[in-house]
Amino acid sequence: MSGTIRVAVLGALGKMGAQTVTAVCGDPELELLAAVDVGGARSQMACGSGIPVLAGVELLDPGEVDVAVDFTNAASAMRNARWALGGGVHAVIGTTGLSASDLEELAGLAQRSDANALVAPNFATGAVLMMRFCEMAARYFDQCEIVELHHRGKKDAPSGTALATAARVAEAMEAASVPPSQENEVRGTRGGAVGPVSIHSVRLDGLVAHQEVIFGSKGQTLTIRHDTSDRSCFMPGVLMAVKAVADLPGLTVGLEPILGL
């Protein structure tokens, strides 16, 4: 994509959306064309940008937008993606909670469109590397559990990053058999399972986004952990995705192709 990239931020009043507005405004290669949020009004400006917040994408002309960045919720993200890809607008989706059928629909929409879509469970480069390291470690261990910790306002559990990590580990790991009997004094103590991987979700004020992946085998454990202390760490990945999505045909899941992983 040559020239300045015109960007619409969807979910612009949310925590990630507001950070994205600021990041786009600070990048000389990008232009914040629009900010959209269901809680917005035309009199409201997006994060000091001078851009009024619109209440829905239907108020936008898709011909004026190059890339739409979505940080809303799963249902809204799919509606927004249909609007974007149907109008020839590239979609970068950071919203978590999308199902396998949602991804299948996105792949079909992108295949029929002149525009592309990129979905990432996490835009922090450290988190992307963590998932790759876990995939590598899974070849050498036969047990794995994930503890993911987020702020109380996070709507989905487990996180998209935890689900993506578990799926990769499950595919690469030759899992040990589960002990024949387990007694749980409190139901759910062992978390939920994605294949052989148990996931435990923690939601507390004071947290941002954290994930600890613990591998075990006879006589040893390996812990791989990523911690986020500020949402600004996601922005380099978001901006990379905005600039790269036009050159990634169809649907891309994750930042790995952009990072060369």
Foldseek 3Di string as FASTA:
>chain_A
DDAAAEEEEEQCPDPLNLLQVVLQLPDPSYDDPAYEYLPFDQVDDRNPPPHGYHNDCVVDQLVVHAEYEYADEQVNLLVVLLVNQVRQHAYEYQHDDHDPVSVVVQLVSLVPGLYAYEYELAQQPLLLVLLVVLLVCQLPFAAKEKEKEAAQPDDDPPGRSVLSSQVSSLVNHNHDDDPPDDDDPDPCPQADDDRRYHYHYHHHPPAHIKMWMWTDDPPDIDIRIDGDDGSNSSNVSVVLCSVCRSVPGGYHYHCCVSVVD
